[in-house]
Amino acid sequence: DGSPDNTATLVKERQAKYAGKLFLEERKGKLGL
């Protein structure tokens, strides 16, 4: 949910290692669990 600490960037870096197994959906803002 748009983490200011760049959580999504770290996940994207892992996607190259785990291609086809690790997926990421990014949302704008903290929208709730």
All heavy atoms as atom14 arrays in JSON, in Angstrom:
{
  "sequence": "DGSPDNTATLVKERQAKYAGKLFLEERKGKLGL",
  "atom14_mask": [
    [1, 1, 1, 1, 1, 1, 1, 1, 0, 0, 0, 0, 0, 0],
    [1, 1, 1, 1, 0, 0, 0, 0, 0, 0, 0, 0, 0, 0],
    [1, 1, 1, 1, 1, 1, 0, 0, 0, 0, 0, 0, 0, 0],
    [1, 1, 1, 1, 1, 1, 1, 0, 0, 0, 0, 0, 0, 0],
    [1, 1, 1, 1, 1, 1, 1, 1, 0, 0, 0, 0, 0, 0],
    [1, 1, 1, 1, 1, 1, 1, 1, 0, 0, 0, 0, 0, 0],
    [1, 1, 1, 1, 1, 1, 1, 0, 0, 0, 0, 0, 0, 0],
    [1, 1, 1, 1, 1, 0, 0, 0, 0, 0, 0, 0, 0, 0],
    [1, 1, 1, 1, 1, 1, 1, 0, 0, 0, 0, 0, 0, 0],
    [1, 1, 1, 1, 1, 1, 1, 1, 0, 0, 0, 0, 0, 0],
    [1, 1, 1, 1, 1, 1, 1, 0, 0, 0, 0, 0, 0, 0],
    [1, 1, 1, 1, 1, 1, 1, 1, 1, 0, 0, 0, 0, 0],
    [1, 1, 1, 1, 1, 1, 1, 1, 1, 0, 0, 0, 0, 0],
    [1, 1, 1, 1, 1, 1, 1, 1, 1, 1, 1, 0, 0, 0],
    [1, 1, 1, 1, 1, 1, 1, 1, 1, 0, 0, 0, 0, 0],
    [1, 1, 1, 1, 1, 0, 0, 0, 0, 0, 0, 0, 0, 0],
    [1, 1, 1, 1, 1, 1, 1, 1, 1, 0, 0, 0, 0, 0],
    [1, 1, 1, 1, 1, 1, 1, 1, 1, 1, 1, 1, 0, 0],
    [1, 1, 1, 1, 1, 0, 0, 0, 0, 0, 0, 0, 0, 0],
    [1, 1, 1, 1, 0, 0, 0, 0, 0, 0, 0, 0, 0, 0],
    [1, 1, 1, 1, 1, 1, 1, 1, 1, 0, 0, 0, 0, 0],
    [1, 1, 1, 1, 1, 1, 1, 1, 0, 0, 0, 0, 0, 0],
    [1, 1, 1, 1, 1, 1, 1, 1, 1, 1, 1, 0, 0, 0],
    [1, 1, 1, 1, 1, 1, 1, 1, 0, 0, 0, 0, 0, 0],
    [1, 1, 1, 1, 1, 1, 1, 1, 1, 0, 0, 0, 0, 0],
    [1, 1, 1, 1, 1, 1, 1, 1, 1, 0, 0, 0, 0, 0],
    [1, 1, 1, 1, 1, 1, 1, 1, 1, 1, 1, 0, 0, 0],
    [1, 1, 1, 1, 1, 1, 1, 1, 1, 0, 0, 0, 0, 0],
    [1, 1, 1, 1, 0, 0, 0, 0, 0, 0, 0, 0, 0, 0],
    [1, 1, 1, 1, 1, 1, 1, 1, 1, 0, 0, 0, 0, 0],
    [1, 1, 1, 1, 1, 1, 1, 1, 0, 0, 0, 0, 0, 0],
    [1, 1, 1, 1, 0, 0, 0, 0, 0, 0, 0, 0, 0, 0],
    [1, 1, 1, 1, 1, 1, 1, 1, 0, 0, 0, 0, 0, 0]
  ],
  "atom14_positions": [
    [[0.82, -1.21, 0.0], [0.0, 0.0, 0.0], [0.86, 1.26, 0.0], [0.75, 2.11, 0.88], [-0.94, 0.0, 1.21], [-2.23, -0.75, 0.94], [-2.34, -1.38, -0.13], [-3.14, -0.74, 1.8], [0.0, 0.0, 0.0], [0.0, 0.0, 0.0], [0.0, 0.0, 0.0], [0.0, 0.0, 0.0], [0.0, 0.0, 0.0], [0.0, 0.0, 0.0]],
    [[1.72, 1.37, -1.0], [2.51, 2.59, -1.16], [3.46, 2.85, -0.02], [3.59, 4.0, 0.44], [0.0, 0.0, 0.0], [0.0, 0.0, 0.0], [0.0, 0.0, 0.0], [0.0, 0.0, 0.0], [0.0, 0.0, 0.0], [0.0, 0.0, 0.0], [0.0, 0.0, 0.0], [0.0, 0.0, 0.0], [0.0, 0.0, 0.0], [0.0, 0.0, 0.0]],
    [[4.16, 1.83, 0.45], [5.05, 1.97, 1.61], [6.12, 3.04, 1.38], [6.89, 2.93, 0.42], [5.74, 0.64, 1.92], [4.82, -0.35, 2.27], [0.0, 0.0, 0.0], [0.0, 0.0, 0.0], [0.0, 0.0, 0.0], [0.0, 0.0, 0.0], [0.0, 0.0, 0.0], [0.0, 0.0, 0.0], [0.0, 0.0, 0.0], [0.0, 0.0, 0.0]],
    [[6.21, 4.05, 2.25], [7.25, 5.07, 2.1], [8.67, 4.52, 2.24], [9.62, 5.15, 1.79], [6.93, 6.05, 3.24], [5.51, 5.81, 3.59], [5.28, 4.35, 3.34], [0.0, 0.0, 0.0], [0.0, 0.0, 0.0], [0.0, 0.0, 0.0], [0.0, 0.0, 0.0], [0.0, 0.0, 0.0], [0.0, 0.0, 0.0], [0.0, 0.0, 0.0]],
    [[8.83, 3.35, 2.89], [10.17, 2.8, 3.09], [10.65, 1.95, 1.91], [11.66, 1.25, 2.0], [10.22, 1.97, 4.38], [9.47, 0.64, 4.26], [8.7, 0.46, 3.28], [9.65, -0.24, 5.13], [0.0, 0.0, 0.0], [0.0, 0.0, 0.0], [0.0, 0.0, 0.0], [0.0, 0.0, 0.0], [0.0, 0.0, 0.0], [0.0, 0.0, 0.0]],
    [[9.9, 2.01, 0.78], [10.28, 1.31, -0.45], [10.24, -0.22, -0.3], [11.05, -0.93, -0.9], [11.66, 1.75, -0.93], [11.67, 3.21, -1.37], [10.75, 3.67, -2.04], [12.71, 3.94, -0.97], [0.0, 0.0, 0.0], [0.0, 0.0, 0.0], [0.0, 0.0, 0.0], [0.0, 0.0, 0.0], [0.0, 0.0, 0.0], [0.0, 0.0, 0.0]],
    [[9.29, -0.71, 0.46], [9.09, -2.15, 0.54], [8.89, -2.75, -0.84], [9.45, -3.8, -1.17], [7.85, -2.47, 1.41], [8.08, -2.03, 2.76], [7.57, -3.96, 1.43], [0.0, 0.0, 0.0], [0.0, 0.0, 0.0], [0.0, 0.0, 0.0], [0.0, 0.0, 0.0], [0.0, 0.0, 0.0], [0.0, 0.0, 0.0], [0.0, 0.0, 0.0]],
    [[8.09, -2.1, -1.68], [7.79, -2.62, -3.02], [9.06, -2.73, -3.86], [9.2, -3.68, -4.66], [6.77, -1.73, -3.72], [0.0, 0.0, 0.0], [0.0, 0.0, 0.0], [0.0, 0.0, 0.0], [0.0, 0.0, 0.0], [0.0, 0.0, 0.0], [0.0, 0.0, 0.0], [0.0, 0.0, 0.0], [0.0, 0.0, 0.0], [0.0, 0.0, 0.0]],
    [[9.97, -1.79, -3.72], [11.23, -1.84, -4.48], [12.02, -3.08, -4.14], [12.58, -3.76, -5.02], [12.07, -0.58, -4.2], [11.33, 0.58, -4.58], [13.38, -0.62, -4.97], [0.0, 0.0, 0.0], [0.0, 0.0, 0.0], [0.0, 0.0, 0.0], [0.0, 0.0, 0.0], [0.0, 0.0, 0.0], [0.0, 0.0, 0.0], [0.0, 0.0, 0.0]],
    [[12.06, -3.42, -2.86], [12.78, -4.62, -2.43], [12.13, -5.87, -3.01], [12.82, -6.81, -3.44], [12.81, -4.68, -0.91], [13.72, -5.73, -0.26], [14.24, -5.22, 1.07], [12.98, -7.05, -0.06], [0.0, 0.0, 0.0], [0.0, 0.0, 0.0], [0.0, 0.0, 0.0], [0.0, 0.0, 0.0], [0.0, 0.0, 0.0], [0.0, 0.0, 0.0]],
    [[10.8, -5.91, -3.04], [10.11, -7.06, -3.62], [10.42, -7.18, -5.1], [10.66, -8.28, -5.62], [8.59, -6.94, -3.4], [7.85, -8.09, -4.1], [8.25, -6.95, -1.91], [0.0, 0.0, 0.0], [0.0, 0.0, 0.0], [0.0, 0.0, 0.0], [0.0, 0.0, 0.0], [0.0, 0.0, 0.0], [0.0, 0.0, 0.0], [0.0, 0.0, 0.0]],
    [[10.44, -6.06, -5.81], [10.77, -6.07, -7.24], [12.17, -6.63, -7.49], [12.4, -7.35, -8.46], [10.65, -4.66, -7.81], [9.23, -4.14, -7.91], [9.2, -2.69, -8.37], [7.8, -2.15, -8.38], [7.76, -0.71, -8.75], [0.0, 0.0, 0.0], [0.0, 0.0, 0.0], [0.0, 0.0, 0.0], [0.0, 0.0, 0.0], [0.0, 0.0, 0.0]],
    [[13.09, -6.31, -6.61], [14.45, -6.85, -6.74], [14.44, -8.37, -6.59], [15.18, -9.07, -7.27], [15.35, -6.21, -5.69], [15.59, -4.72, -5.91], [16.32, -4.06, -4.75], [16.54, -4.75, -3.72], [16.63, -2.86, -4.85], [0.0, 0.0, 0.0], [0.0, 0.0, 0.0], [0.0, 0.0, 0.0], [0.0, 0.0, 0.0], [0.0, 0.0, 0.0]],
    [[13.59, -8.88, -5.71], [13.49, -10.33, -5.51], [12.81, -11.02, -6.69], [13.01, -12.21, -6.91], [12.7, -10.64, -4.24], [13.4, -10.34, -2.91], [14.59, -11.24, -2.68], [15.02, -11.32, -1.3], [15.66, -10.37, -0.63], [15.94, -9.22, -1.23], [16.03, -10.55, 0.63], [0.0, 0.0, 0.0], [0.0, 0.0, 0.0], [0.0, 0.0, 0.0]],
    [[11.98, -10.31, -7.42], [11.24, -10.94, -8.52], [12.16, -11.5, -9.61], [11.81, -12.5, -10.25], [10.24, -9.95, -9.13], [9.0, -9.74, -8.28], [7.99, -8.83, -8.93], [8.28, -7.68, -9.26], [6.78, -9.34, -9.13], [0.0, 0.0, 0.0], [0.0, 0.0, 0.0], [0.0, 0.0, 0.0], [0.0, 0.0, 0.0], [0.0, 0.0, 0.0]],
    [[13.3, -10.89, -9.8], [14.24, -11.42, -10.79], [14.75, -12.79, -10.37], [14.97, -13.68, -11.21], [15.41, -10.44, -10.96], [0.0, 0.0, 0.0], [0.0, 0.0, 0.0], [0.0, 0.0, 0.0], [0.0, 0.0, 0.0], [0.0, 0.0, 0.0], [0.0, 0.0, 0.0], [0.0, 0.0, 0.0], [0.0, 0.0, 0.0], [0.0, 0.0, 0.0]],
    [[14.94, -12.97, -9.08], [15.42, -14.26, -8.55], [14.32, -15.31, -8.55], [14.6, -16.5, -8.78], [15.94, -14.04, -7.13], [16.5, -15.3, -6.47], [17.03, -14.98, -5.08], [17.58, -16.24, -4.39], [18.09, -15.94, -3.02], [0.0, 0.0, 0.0], [0.0, 0.0, 0.0], [0.0, 0.0, 0.0], [0.0, 0.0, 0.0], [0.0, 0.0, 0.0]],
    [[13.1, -14.88, -8.32], [11.98, -15.83, -8.2], [10.95, -15.59, -9.3], [9.75, -15.47, -9.06], [11.32, -15.68, -6.83], [12.26, -15.88, -5.67], [12.56, -14.83, -4.79], [12.85, -17.12, -5.43], [13.41, -15.01, -3.71], [13.71, -17.31, -4.36], [13.98, -16.25, -3.5], [14.84, -16.43, -2.43], [0.0, 0.0, 0.0], [0.0, 0.0, 0.0]],
    [[11.43, -15.54, -10.53], [10.56, -15.26, -11.67], [9.45, -16.31, -11.78], [9.69, -17.51, -11.67], [11.38, -15.26, -12.96], [0.0, 0.0, 0.0], [0.0, 0.0, 0.0], [0.0, 0.0, 0.0], [0.0, 0.0, 0.0], [0.0, 0.0, 0.0], [0.0, 0.0, 0.0], [0.0, 0.0, 0.0], [0.0, 0.0, 0.0], [0.0, 0.0, 0.0]],
    [[8.22, -15.81, -11.97], [7.08, -16.7, -12.13], [6.55, -17.26, -10.82], [5.58, -18.04, -10.83], [0.0, 0.0, 0.0], [0.0, 0.0, 0.0], [0.0, 0.0, 0.0], [0.0, 0.0, 0.0], [0.0, 0.0, 0.0], [0.0, 0.0, 0.0], [0.0, 0.0, 0.0], [0.0, 0.0, 0.0], [0.0, 0.0, 0.0], [0.0, 0.0, 0.0]],
    [[7.16, -16.88, -9.7], [6.73, -17.39, -8.39], [6.38, -16.27, -7.42], [5.6, -16.47, -6.49], [7.85, -18.25, -7.77], [8.23, -19.47, -8.58], [9.44, -20.17, -7.99], [9.18, -20.74, -6.62], [10.35, -21.49, -6.09], [0.0, 0.0, 0.0], [0.0, 0.0, 0.0], [0.0, 0.0, 0.0], [0.0, 0.0, 0.0], [0.0, 0.0, 0.0]],
    [[6.97, -15.11, -7.61], [6.76, -13.96, -6.73], [6.07, -12.85, -7.51], [6.56, -12.42, -8.56], [8.1, -13.46, -6.19], [8.07, -12.18, -5.35], [7.21, -12.35, -4.11], [9.49, -11.77, -4.97], [0.0, 0.0, 0.0], [0.0, 0.0, 0.0], [0.0, 0.0, 0.0], [0.0, 0.0, 0.0], [0.0, 0.0, 0.0], [0.0, 0.0, 0.0]],
    [[4.95, -12.39, -6.98], [4.15, -11.38, -7.66], [3.92, -10.19, -6.73], [3.93, -10.32, -5.5], [2.81, -11.97, -8.1], [2.95, -13.23, -8.91], [2.86, -14.48, -8.31], [3.23, -13.16, -10.27], [3.01, -15.63, -9.04], [3.39, -14.32, -11.02], [3.28, -15.56, -10.41], [0.0, 0.0, 0.0], [0.0, 0.0, 0.0], [0.0, 0.0, 0.0]],
    [[3.73, -9.03, -7.33], [3.55, -7.79, -6.57], [2.39, -7.0, -7.15], [2.31, -6.78, -8.35], [4.82, -6.95, -6.62], [4.74, -5.54, -6.02], [4.54, -5.6, -4.51], [6.0, -4.73, -6.36], [0.0, 0.0, 0.0], [0.0, 0.0, 0.0], [0.0, 0.0, 0.0], [0.0, 0.0, 0.0], [0.0, 0.0, 0.0], [0.0, 0.0, 0.0]],
    [[1.5, -6.58, -6.26], [0.44, -5.64, -6.61], [0.65, -4.39, -5.77], [0.7, -4.47, -4.54], [-0.94, -6.24, -6.32], [-1.35, -7.37, -7.25], [-1.81, -6.87, -8.6], [-2.88, -6.25, -8.68], [-1.07, -7.11, -9.59], [0.0, 0.0, 0.0], [0.0, 0.0, 0.0], [0.0, 0.0, 0.0], [0.0, 0.0, 0.0], [0.0, 0.0, 0.0]],
    [[0.79, -3.24, -6.43], [1.01, -1.98, -5.73], [-0.27, -1.15, -5.74], [-0.91, -0.98, -6.78], [2.14, -1.2, -6.38], [3.49, -1.87, -6.27], [4.59, -1.02, -6.87], [5.06, -0.08, -6.2], [4.99, -1.3, -8.02], [0.0, 0.0, 0.0], [0.0, 0.0, 0.0], [0.0, 0.0, 0.0], [0.0, 0.0, 0.0], [0.0, 0.0, 0.0]],
    [[-0.62, -0.63, -4.57], [-1.79, 0.23, -4.44], [-1.33, 1.6, -3.93], [-0.33, 1.71, -3.23], [-2.81, -0.39, -3.49], [-3.19, -1.82, -3.88], [-4.44, -2.3, -3.18], [-4.37, -2.19, -1.72], [-5.42, -2.35, -0.92], [-6.6, -2.6, -1.44], [-5.28, -2.28, 0.4], [0.0, 0.0, 0.0], [0.0, 0.0, 0.0], [0.0, 0.0, 0.0]],
    [[-2.09, 2.61, -4.27], [-1.72, 3.96, -3.88], [-2.36, 4.3, -2.55], [-3.58, 4.44, -2.44], [-2.17, 4.96, -4.95], [-1.44, 4.79, -6.28], [-1.89, 5.83, -7.29], [-1.13, 5.66, -8.61], [-1.56, 6.67, -9.61], [0.0, 0.0, 0.0], [0.0, 0.0, 0.0], [0.0, 0.0, 0.0], [0.0, 0.0, 0.0], [0.0, 0.0, 0.0]],
    [[-1.53, 4.43, -1.52], [-2.04, 4.82, -0.21], [-2.37, 3.64, 0.66], [-2.5, 2.51, 0.21], [0.0, 0.0, 0.0], [0.0, 0.0, 0.0], [0.0, 0.0, 0.0], [0.0, 0.0, 0.0], [0.0, 0.0, 0.0], [0.0, 0.0, 0.0], [0.0, 0.0, 0.0], [0.0, 0.0, 0.0], [0.0, 0.0, 0.0], [0.0, 0.0, 0.0]],
    [[-2.51, 3.91, 1.95], [-2.8, 2.9, 2.94], [-4.31, 2.66, 2.98], [-5.06, 3.42, 3.61], [-2.28, 3.36, 4.31], [-2.2, 2.26, 5.35], [-1.53, 2.79, 6.62], [-1.44, 1.69, 7.68], [-0.81, 2.2, 8.92], [0.0, 0.0, 0.0], [0.0, 0.0, 0.0], [0.0, 0.0, 0.0], [0.0, 0.0, 0.0], [0.0, 0.0, 0.0]],
    [[-4.77, 1.6, 2.33], [-6.19, 1.36, 2.12], [-6.79, 0.34, 3.06], [-7.99, 0.09, 3.01], [-6.42, 0.93, 0.66], [-5.92, 1.91, -0.4], [-6.17, 1.36, -1.8], [-6.59, 3.27, -0.23], [0.0, 0.0, 0.0], [0.0, 0.0, 0.0], [0.0, 0.0, 0.0], [0.0, 0.0, 0.0], [0.0, 0.0, 0.0], [0.0, 0.0, 0.0]],
    [[-5.97, -0.27, 3.91], [-6.51, -1.18, 4.9], [-6.25, -2.64, 4.61], [-6.21, -3.08, 3.46], [0.0, 0.0, 0.0], [0.0, 0.0, 0.0], [0.0, 0.0, 0.0], [0.0, 0.0, 0.0], [0.0, 0.0, 0.0], [0.0, 0.0, 0.0], [0.0, 0.0, 0.0], [0.0, 0.0, 0.0], [0.0, 0.0, 0.0], [0.0, 0.0, 0.0]],
    [[-6.11, -3.41, 5.7], [-5.81, -4.84, 5.6], [-6.9, -5.6, 4.85], [-6.63, -6.43, 3.99], [-5.64, -5.42, 7.0], [-5.32, -6.9, 7.09], [-3.89, -7.17, 6.65], [-5.54, -7.42, 8.51], [0.0, 0.0, 0.0], [0.0, 0.0, 0.0], [0.0, 0.0, 0.0], [0.0, 0.0, 0.0], [0.0, 0.0, 0.0], [0.0, 0.0, 0.0]]
  ]
}
